[in-house]
Amino acid sequence: NVVDMKNLGLTNDKEVLVPVETPYGS
């Protein structure tokens, strides 16, 4: 998931993301 950085005054164009560990698709 792309991290929402609007509250930090930044635009995050799919540059910083965090993994969703669970649940995962299969």
PDB file of all heavy atoms in Angstrom:
ATOM      1  N   ASN A   1       0.834  -1.196   0.000  1.00  0.00           N
ATOM      2  CA  ASN A   1       0.000   0.000   0.000  1.00  0.00           C
ATOM      3  C   ASN A   1       0.870   1.248   0.000  1.00  0.00           C
ATOM      4  O   ASN A   1       1.876   1.326   0.724  1.00  0.00           O
ATOM      5  CB  ASN A   1      -0.919   0.029   1.225  1.00  0.00           C
ATOM      6  CG  ASN A   1      -2.036  -1.003   1.129  1.00  0.00           C
ATOM      7  OD1 ASN A   1      -2.429  -1.400   0.027  1.00  0.00           O
ATOM      8  ND2 ASN A   1      -2.534  -1.445   2.261  1.00  0.00           N
ATOM      9  N   VAL A   2       0.472   2.208  -0.810  1.00  0.00           N
ATOM     10  CA  VAL A   2       1.191   3.477  -0.862  1.00  0.00           C
ATOM     11  C   VAL A   2       0.900   4.264   0.415  1.00  0.00           C
ATOM     12  O   VAL A   2      -0.245   4.393   0.848  1.00  0.00           O
ATOM     13  CB  VAL A   2       0.767   4.296  -2.100  1.00  0.00           C
ATOM     14  CG1 VAL A   2       1.473   5.645  -2.127  1.00  0.00           C
ATOM     15  CG2 VAL A   2       1.062   3.513  -3.369  1.00  0.00           C
ATOM     16  N   VAL A   3       1.949   4.792   1.034  1.00  0.00           N
ATOM     17  CA  VAL A   3       1.800   5.562   2.266  1.00  0.00           C
ATOM     18  C   VAL A   3       1.247   6.946   1.933  1.00  0.00           C
ATOM     19  O   VAL A   3       1.768   7.645   1.057  1.00  0.00           O
ATOM     20  CB  VAL A   3       3.156   5.704   2.996  1.00  0.00           C
ATOM     21  CG1 VAL A   3       3.002   6.552   4.259  1.00  0.00           C
ATOM     22  CG2 VAL A   3       3.710   4.335   3.345  1.00  0.00           C
ATOM     23  N   ASP A   4       0.162   7.340   2.624  1.00  0.00           N
ATOM     24  CA  ASP A   4      -0.432   8.667   2.446  1.00  0.00           C
ATOM     25  C   ASP A   4       0.412   9.693   3.208  1.00  0.00           C
ATOM     26  O   ASP A   4       0.482   9.656   4.440  1.00  0.00           O
ATOM     27  CB  ASP A   4      -1.867   8.666   2.964  1.00  0.00           C
ATOM     28  CG  ASP A   4      -2.596   9.964   2.644  1.00  0.00           C
ATOM     29  OD1 ASP A   4      -1.936  10.927   2.191  1.00  0.00           O
ATOM     30  OD2 ASP A   4      -3.819  10.035   2.881  1.00  0.00           O
ATOM     31  N   MET A   5       1.053  10.587   2.478  1.00  0.00           N
ATOM     32  CA  MET A   5       1.942  11.577   3.093  1.00  0.00           C
ATOM     33  C   MET A   5       1.414  13.005   2.990  1.00  0.00           C
ATOM     34  O   MET A   5       2.162  13.973   3.165  1.00  0.00           O
ATOM     35  CB  MET A   5       3.328  11.494   2.445  1.00  0.00           C
ATOM     36  CG  MET A   5       4.068  10.204   2.744  1.00  0.00           C
ATOM     37  SD  MET A   5       5.761  10.232   2.109  1.00  0.00           S
ATOM     38  CE  MET A   5       6.433   8.776   2.913  1.00  0.00           C
ATOM     39  N   LYS A   6       0.093  13.136   2.725  1.00  0.00           N
ATOM     40  CA  LYS A   6      -0.479  14.476   2.588  1.00  0.00           C
ATOM     41  C   LYS A   6      -0.339  15.278   3.871  1.00  0.00           C
ATOM     42  O   LYS A   6      -0.059  16.488   3.843  1.00  0.00           O
ATOM     43  CB  LYS A   6      -1.958  14.358   2.196  1.00  0.00           C
ATOM     44  CG  LYS A   6      -2.184  13.831   0.791  1.00  0.00           C
ATOM     45  CD  LYS A   6      -3.669  13.717   0.483  1.00  0.00           C
ATOM     46  CE  LYS A   6      -3.884  13.138  -0.915  1.00  0.00           C
ATOM     47  NZ  LYS A   6      -5.340  12.971  -1.213  1.00  0.00           N
ATOM     48  N   ASN A   7      -0.549  14.624   5.020  1.00  0.00           N
ATOM     49  CA  ASN A   7      -0.429  15.334   6.295  1.00  0.00           C
ATOM     50  C   ASN A   7       1.010  15.750   6.581  1.00  0.00           C
ATOM     51  O   ASN A   7       1.264  16.575   7.470  1.00  0.00           O
ATOM     52  CB  ASN A   7      -0.937  14.467   7.442  1.00  0.00           C
ATOM     53  CG  ASN A   7      -2.445  14.248   7.379  1.00  0.00           C
ATOM     54  OD1 ASN A   7      -3.157  15.048   6.767  1.00  0.00           O
ATOM     55  ND2 ASN A   7      -2.927  13.178   7.982  1.00  0.00           N
ATOM     56  N   LEU A   8       1.951  15.164   5.848  1.00  0.00           N
ATOM     57  CA  LEU A   8       3.359  15.530   6.006  1.00  0.00           C
ATOM     58  C   LEU A   8       3.787  16.555   4.966  1.00  0.00           C
ATOM     59  O   LEU A   8       4.967  16.919   4.890  1.00  0.00           O
ATOM     60  CB  LEU A   8       4.243  14.282   5.887  1.00  0.00           C
ATOM     61  CG  LEU A   8       3.981  13.170   6.916  1.00  0.00           C
ATOM     62  CD1 LEU A   8       4.837  11.948   6.602  1.00  0.00           C
ATOM     63  CD2 LEU A   8       4.278  13.678   8.327  1.00  0.00           C
ATOM     64  N   GLY A   9       2.820  17.000   4.155  1.00  0.00           N
ATOM     65  CA  GLY A   9       3.110  18.009   3.153  1.00  0.00           C
ATOM     66  C   GLY A   9       3.856  17.472   1.957  1.00  0.00           C
ATOM     67  O   GLY A   9       4.538  18.217   1.248  1.00  0.00           O
ATOM     68  N   LEU A  10       3.725  16.161   1.712  1.00  0.00           N
ATOM     69  CA  LEU A  10       4.456  15.537   0.617  1.00  0.00           C
ATOM     70  C   LEU A  10       3.508  14.790  -0.311  1.00  0.00           C
ATOM     71  O   LEU A  10       2.457  14.292   0.113  1.00  0.00           O
ATOM     72  CB  LEU A  10       5.507  14.562   1.157  1.00  0.00           C
ATOM     73  CG  LEU A  10       6.642  15.153   1.999  1.00  0.00           C
ATOM     74  CD1 LEU A  10       7.461  14.028   2.609  1.00  0.00           C
ATOM     75  CD2 LEU A  10       7.519  16.069   1.160  1.00  0.00           C
ATOM     76  N   THR A  11       3.896  14.727  -1.564  1.00  0.00           N
ATOM     77  CA  THR A  11       3.186  13.897  -2.537  1.00  0.00           C
ATOM     78  C   THR A  11       3.953  12.596  -2.712  1.00  0.00           C
ATOM     79  O   THR A  11       5.141  12.614  -3.041  1.00  0.00           O
ATOM     80  CB  THR A  11       3.070  14.620  -3.892  1.00  0.00           C
ATOM     81  OG1 THR A  11       2.356  15.842  -3.716  1.00  0.00           O
ATOM     82  CG2 THR A  11       2.333  13.743  -4.894  1.00  0.00           C
ATOM     83  N   ASN A  12       3.287  11.481  -2.487  1.00  0.00           N
ATOM     84  CA  ASN A  12       3.930  10.174  -2.575  1.00  0.00           C
ATOM     85  C   ASN A  12       3.404   9.451  -3.816  1.00  0.00           C
ATOM     86  O   ASN A  12       2.329   8.847  -3.794  1.00  0.00           O
ATOM     87  CB  ASN A  12       3.651   9.354  -1.314  1.00  0.00           C
ATOM     88  CG  ASN A  12       4.387   8.017  -1.322  1.00  0.00           C
ATOM     89  OD1 ASN A  12       5.333   7.818  -2.080  1.00  0.00           O
ATOM     90  ND2 ASN A  12       3.940   7.105  -0.487  1.00  0.00           N
ATOM     91  N   ASP A  13       4.166   9.539  -4.888  1.00  0.00           N
ATOM     92  CA  ASP A  13       3.762   8.920  -6.156  1.00  0.00           C
ATOM     93  C   ASP A  13       4.322   7.498  -6.232  1.00  0.00           C
ATOM     94  O   ASP A  13       5.241   7.216  -7.005  1.00  0.00           O
ATOM     95  CB  ASP A  13       4.266   9.764  -7.327  1.00  0.00           C
ATOM     96  CG  ASP A  13       3.777   9.229  -8.674  1.00  0.00           C
ATOM     97  OD1 ASP A  13       2.790   8.459  -8.680  1.00  0.00           O
ATOM     98  OD2 ASP A  13       4.403   9.563  -9.704  1.00  0.00           O
ATOM     99  N   LYS A  14       3.776   6.626  -5.407  1.00  0.00           N
ATOM    100  CA  LYS A  14       4.185   5.222  -5.364  1.00  0.00           C
ATOM    101  C   LYS A  14       5.691   5.070  -5.185  1.00  0.00           C
ATOM    102  O   LYS A  14       6.345   4.246  -5.829  1.00  0.00           O
ATOM    103  CB  LYS A  14       3.732   4.476  -6.627  1.00  0.00           C
ATOM    104  CG  LYS A  14       3.482   2.974  -6.398  1.00  0.00           C
ATOM    105  CD  LYS A  14       3.034   2.246  -7.643  1.00  0.00           C
ATOM    106  CE  LYS A  14       4.189   2.027  -8.603  1.00  0.00           C
ATOM    107  NZ  LYS A  14       3.839   1.126  -9.724  1.00  0.00           N
ATOM    108  N   GLU A  15       6.229   5.902  -4.268  1.00  0.00           N
ATOM    109  CA  GLU A  15       7.666   5.845  -3.995  1.00  0.00           C
ATOM    110  C   GLU A  15       7.965   5.203  -2.646  1.00  0.00           C
ATOM    111  O   GLU A  15       9.004   4.570  -2.473  1.00  0.00           O
ATOM    112  CB  GLU A  15       8.263   7.253  -4.041  1.00  0.00           C
ATOM    113  CG  GLU A  15       8.170   7.888  -5.422  1.00  0.00           C
ATOM    114  CD  GLU A  15       8.375   9.392  -5.385  1.00  0.00           C
ATOM    115  OE1 GLU A  15       7.859  10.046  -4.465  1.00  0.00           O
ATOM    116  OE2 GLU A  15       9.040   9.906  -6.298  1.00  0.00           O
ATOM    117  N   VAL A  16       7.054   5.354  -1.698  1.00  0.00           N
ATOM    118  CA  VAL A  16       7.190   4.723  -0.388  1.00  0.00           C
ATOM    119  C   VAL A  16       5.936   3.891  -0.143  1.00  0.00           C
ATOM    120  O   VAL A  16       4.817   4.422  -0.157  1.00  0.00           O
ATOM    121  CB  VAL A  16       7.377   5.755   0.743  1.00  0.00           C
ATOM    122  CG1 VAL A  16       7.490   5.048   2.096  1.00  0.00           C
ATOM    123  CG2 VAL A  16       8.605   6.619   0.489  1.00  0.00           C
ATOM    124  N   LEU A  17       6.124   2.587   0.051  1.00  0.00           N
ATOM    125  CA  LEU A  17       5.009   1.672   0.244  1.00  0.00           C
ATOM    126  C   LEU A  17       5.291   0.784   1.442  1.00  0.00           C
ATOM    127  O   LEU A  17       6.444   0.575   1.830  1.00  0.00           O
ATOM    128  CB  LEU A  17       4.776   0.804  -0.998  1.00  0.00           C
ATOM    129  CG  LEU A  17       4.596   1.511  -2.336  1.00  0.00           C
ATOM    130  CD1 LEU A  17       5.924   1.596  -3.078  1.00  0.00           C
ATOM    131  CD2 LEU A  17       3.558   0.795  -3.198  1.00  0.00           C
ATOM    132  N   VAL A  18       4.239   0.229   2.008  1.00  0.00           N
ATOM    133  CA  VAL A  18       4.392  -0.702   3.123  1.00  0.00           C
ATOM    134  C   VAL A  18       3.712  -2.016   2.755  1.00  0.00           C
ATOM    135  O   VAL A  18       2.639  -2.027   2.137  1.00  0.00           O
ATOM    136  CB  VAL A  18       3.779  -0.147   4.433  1.00  0.00           C
ATOM    137  CG1 VAL A  18       4.572   1.041   4.927  1.00  0.00           C
ATOM    138  CG2 VAL A  18       2.322   0.234   4.236  1.00  0.00           C
ATOM    139  N   PRO A  19       4.349  -3.135   3.098  1.00  0.00           N
ATOM    140  CA  PRO A  19       3.743  -4.432   2.776  1.00  0.00           C
ATOM    141  C   PRO A  19       2.581  -4.751   3.696  1.00  0.00           C
ATOM    142  O   PRO A  19       2.592  -4.409   4.884  1.00  0.00           O
ATOM    143  CB  PRO A  19       4.898  -5.413   2.991  1.00  0.00           C
ATOM    144  CG  PRO A  19       5.768  -4.749   4.008  1.00  0.00           C
ATOM    145  CD  PRO A  19       5.662  -3.279   3.753  1.00  0.00           C
ATOM    146  N   VAL A  20       1.571  -5.403   3.143  1.00  0.00           N
ATOM    147  CA  VAL A  20       0.449  -5.911   3.925  1.00  0.00           C
ATOM    148  C   VAL A  20       0.743  -7.373   4.207  1.00  0.00           C
ATOM    149  O   VAL A  20       0.606  -8.231   3.334  1.00  0.00           O
ATOM    150  CB  VAL A  20      -0.882  -5.751   3.173  1.00  0.00           C
ATOM    151  CG1 VAL A  20      -2.040  -6.282   4.007  1.00  0.00           C
ATOM    152  CG2 VAL A  20      -1.112  -4.290   2.796  1.00  0.00           C
ATOM    153  N   GLU A  21       1.192  -7.672   5.419  1.00  0.00           N
ATOM    154  CA  GLU A  21       1.661  -9.021   5.733  1.00  0.00           C
ATOM    155  C   GLU A  21       0.512 -10.030   5.763  1.00  0.00           C
ATOM    156  O   GLU A  21       0.615 -11.132   5.221  1.00  0.00           O
ATOM    157  CB  GLU A  21       2.396  -9.014   7.073  1.00  0.00           C
ATOM    158  CG  GLU A  21       3.650  -8.143   7.078  1.00  0.00           C
ATOM    159  CD  GLU A  21       4.742  -8.675   6.163  1.00  0.00           C
ATOM    160  OE1 GLU A  21       4.667  -9.845   5.741  1.00  0.00           O
ATOM    161  OE2 GLU A  21       5.678  -7.922   5.858  1.00  0.00           O
ATOM    162  N   THR A  22      -0.568  -9.709   6.433  1.00  0.00           N
ATOM    163  CA  THR A  22      -1.731 -10.611   6.515  1.00  0.00           C
ATOM    164  C   THR A  22      -3.012  -9.778   6.521  1.00  0.00           C
ATOM    165  O   THR A  22      -3.013  -8.649   7.036  1.00  0.00           O
ATOM    166  CB  THR A  22      -1.694 -11.461   7.799  1.00  0.00           C
ATOM    167  OG1 THR A  22      -1.627 -10.602   8.941  1.00  0.00           O
ATOM    168  CG2 THR A  22      -0.511 -12.403   7.796  1.00  0.00           C
ATOM    169  N   PRO A  23      -4.102 -10.313   5.970  1.00  0.00           N
ATOM    170  CA  PRO A  23      -4.117 -11.571   5.202  1.00  0.00           C
ATOM    171  C   PRO A  23      -3.507 -11.348   3.824  1.00  0.00           C
ATOM    172  O   PRO A  23      -3.462 -10.227   3.334  1.00  0.00           O
ATOM    173  CB  PRO A  23      -5.606 -11.895   5.112  1.00  0.00           C
ATOM    174  CG  PRO A  23      -6.274 -10.552   5.121  1.00  0.00           C
ATOM    175  CD  PRO A  23      -5.433  -9.687   6.032  1.00  0.00           C
ATOM    176  N   TYR A  24      -3.045 -12.428   3.212  1.00  0.00           N
ATOM    177  CA  TYR A  24      -2.484 -12.312   1.869  1.00  0.00           C
ATOM    178  C   TYR A  24      -3.305 -13.162   0.910  1.00  0.00           C
ATOM    179  O   TYR A  24      -3.971 -14.114   1.295  1.00  0.00           O
ATOM    180  CB  TYR A  24      -1.013 -12.738   1.845  1.00  0.00           C
ATOM    181  CG  TYR A  24      -0.731 -14.126   2.356  1.00  0.00           C
ATOM    182  CD1 TYR A  24      -0.906 -15.234   1.534  1.00  0.00           C
ATOM    183  CD2 TYR A  24      -0.285 -14.324   3.655  1.00  0.00           C
ATOM    184  CE1 TYR A  24      -0.652 -16.510   1.997  1.00  0.00           C
ATOM    185  CE2 TYR A  24      -0.026 -15.601   4.130  1.00  0.00           C
ATOM    186  CZ  TYR A  24      -0.212 -16.679   3.300  1.00  0.00           C
ATOM    187  OH  TYR A  24       0.036 -17.946   3.765  1.00  0.00           O
ATOM    188  N   GLY A  25      -3.275 -12.775  -0.355  1.00  0.00           N
ATOM    189  CA  GLY A  25      -4.010 -13.524  -1.358  1.00  0.00           C
ATOM    190  C   GLY A  25      -3.256 -14.758  -1.791  1.00  0.00           C
ATOM    191  O   GLY A  25      -2.044 -14.869  -1.627  1.00  0.00           O
ATOM    192  N   SER A  26      -3.977 -15.705  -2.365  1.00  0.00           N
ATOM    193  CA  SER A  26      -3.355 -16.935  -2.833  1.00  0.00           C
ATOM    194  C   SER A  26      -4.154 -17.486  -4.001  1.00  0.00           C
ATOM    195  O   SER A  26      -5.388 -17.397  -4.024  1.00  0.00           O
ATOM    196  CB  SER A  26      -3.298 -17.968  -1.705  1.00  0.00           C
ATOM    197  OG  SER A  26      -2.722 -19.179  -2.155  1.00  0.00           O
TER     198      SER A  26
END
